[in-house]
Amino acid sequence: MTRHTCPYGTPGARRPPPFATFCTVDKKNALRAGALAAGTTLMMLLMSSPALALTRDDGDDPGPGLSVIETLGLYVAAPIVLFLVIAGLVMVLDKSKQEHRVTTKNIRTKADAKA
């Protein structure tokens, strides 16, 4: 496959065909990126061994665990409620004018189209 190189603004130069650079990933770079990602993931997994959590540190004083209801409330319900509060405040305090919003109500079309 030949590459068409045409600098911008050159009169009479041919444009490259559509999608000429689509899926032209260098295999060496892809292999290098994959190896780097796999190596980084492996090192992170090895360095954060769950076995280290079994030994207590000096001054470590864990509190009582959370129940299922407390866990669901803290990690599921609270973020949803926070999202709804923020979205509601944004909608209530919106000061933009109605005519500037892009909706189906303010799309103007010509009724009398002459051929």
Protein backbone atom coordinates (compact mmCIF):
# COMPACT_ATOMS: atom_id res chain seq x y z
CA MET A 1 0.00 0.00 0.00
CA THR A 2 1.45 3.32 -1.01
CA ARG A 3 1.13 6.35 1.18
CA HIS A 4 0.01 9.60 -0.33
CA THR A 5 1.81 12.51 1.22
CA CYS A 6 0.41 15.84 0.28
CA PRO A 7 1.28 18.93 2.25
CA TYR A 8 -1.56 21.25 3.02
CA GLY A 9 -2.10 24.04 0.52
CA THR A 10 -0.27 22.43 -2.41
CA PRO A 11 -2.28 23.20 -5.58
CA GLY A 12 -3.09 20.18 -7.69
CA ALA A 13 -1.95 17.64 -5.12
CA ARG A 14 -4.03 14.51 -4.74
CA ARG A 15 -5.80 13.94 -1.48
CA PRO A 16 -5.21 10.64 0.30
CA PRO A 17 -8.02 8.13 -0.10
CA PRO A 18 -10.57 7.98 2.69
CA PHE A 19 -9.55 5.85 5.65
CA ALA A 20 -5.98 5.56 4.34
CA THR A 21 -4.53 5.54 7.85
CA PHE A 22 -7.33 3.49 9.43
CA CYS A 23 -6.02 0.39 11.23
CA THR A 24 -2.37 1.00 10.36
CA VAL A 25 -0.98 0.22 13.81
CA ASP A 26 2.64 -0.79 13.88
CA LYS A 27 2.86 -4.31 15.31
CA LYS A 28 6.08 -3.59 17.18
CA ASN A 29 4.54 -0.61 18.98
CA ALA A 30 1.38 -2.57 19.77
CA LEU A 31 3.44 -5.43 21.20
CA ARG A 32 5.52 -2.99 23.23
CA ALA A 33 2.39 -1.31 24.65
CA GLY A 34 0.82 -4.66 25.49
CA ALA A 35 3.96 -5.89 27.23
CA LEU A 36 4.19 -2.67 29.22
CA ALA A 37 0.55 -2.90 30.30
CA ALA A 38 0.89 -6.57 31.26
CA GLY A 39 4.11 -5.95 33.17
CA THR A 40 2.67 -3.00 35.04
CA THR A 41 -0.43 -4.99 35.99
CA LEU A 42 1.65 -7.94 37.15
CA MET A 43 3.90 -5.74 39.28
CA MET A 44 0.90 -4.03 40.87
CA LEU A 45 -0.64 -7.40 41.71
CA LEU A 46 2.59 -8.72 43.19
CA MET A 47 3.31 -5.61 45.24
CA SER A 48 -0.18 -5.41 46.75
CA SER A 49 -0.38 -8.92 48.11
CA PRO A 50 -3.50 -9.59 50.19
CA ALA A 51 -1.37 -11.59 52.62
CA LEU A 52 0.07 -8.31 53.90
CA ALA A 53 -3.37 -7.43 55.30
CA LEU A 54 -3.25 -10.29 57.80
CA THR A 55 -0.42 -8.87 59.87
CA ARG A 56 -1.39 -6.07 62.22
CA ASP A 57 0.64 -2.89 62.36
CA ASP A 58 1.51 -1.04 65.55
CA GLY A 59 -1.37 1.21 66.51
CA ASP A 60 -3.78 -0.59 64.19
CA ASP A 61 -7.20 -0.53 65.82
CA PRO A 62 -9.93 -1.59 63.37
CA GLY A 63 -13.47 -0.72 64.31
CA PRO A 64 -16.51 -2.94 63.99
CA GLY A 65 -17.44 -4.03 60.47
CA LEU A 66 -20.33 -2.63 58.48
CA SER A 67 -23.56 -4.55 58.04
CA VAL A 68 -24.97 -5.25 54.58
CA ILE A 69 -27.53 -2.45 54.93
CA GLU A 70 -24.88 0.05 56.04
CA THR A 71 -22.59 -0.97 53.17
CA LEU A 72 -25.35 -0.61 50.55
CA GLY A 73 -26.40 2.72 52.04
CA LEU A 74 -22.86 4.09 52.09
CA TYR A 75 -21.62 2.84 48.71
CA VAL A 76 -24.84 2.67 46.64
CA ALA A 77 -27.61 4.88 48.03
CA ALA A 78 -25.47 7.83 49.14
CA PRO A 79 -23.80 8.38 45.72
CA ILE A 80 -27.18 8.11 43.94
CA VAL A 81 -28.75 10.63 46.32
CA LEU A 82 -25.76 12.95 45.94
CA PHE A 83 -26.02 12.74 42.15
CA LEU A 84 -29.75 13.50 42.24
CA VAL A 85 -29.23 16.48 44.55
CA ILE A 86 -26.52 17.96 42.30
CA ALA A 87 -28.59 17.35 39.14
CA GLY A 88 -31.63 18.93 40.77
CA LEU A 89 -29.67 21.99 41.86
CA VAL A 90 -28.28 22.41 38.35
CA MET A 91 -31.75 22.22 36.80
CA VAL A 92 -33.35 24.57 39.34
CA LEU A 93 -30.58 27.16 39.24
CA ASP A 94 -30.23 27.12 35.43
CA LYS A 95 -30.37 30.74 34.22
CA SER A 96 -30.03 30.17 30.47
CA LYS A 97 -32.76 31.56 28.23
CA GLN A 98 -35.32 29.23 26.67
CA GLU A 99 -34.69 30.46 23.11
CA HIS A 100 -31.00 29.52 23.32
CA ARG A 101 -31.68 25.89 24.13
CA VAL A 102 -31.62 23.41 21.30
CA THR A 103 -34.91 21.54 21.50
CA THR A 104 -37.54 20.40 19.03
CA LYS A 105 -39.75 23.33 20.09
CA ASN A 106 -37.50 26.07 18.72
CA ILE A 107 -36.41 24.51 15.43
CA ARG A 108 -37.65 26.74 12.64
CA THR A 109 -38.36 25.27 9.20
CA LYS A 110 -39.71 26.95 6.10
CA ALA A 111 -43.34 26.09 5.59
CA ASP A 112 -43.52 27.33 1.99
CA ALA A 113 -40.88 25.46 0.01
CA LYS A 114 -41.02 26.40 -3.69
CA ALA A 115 -39.48 24.13 -6.25
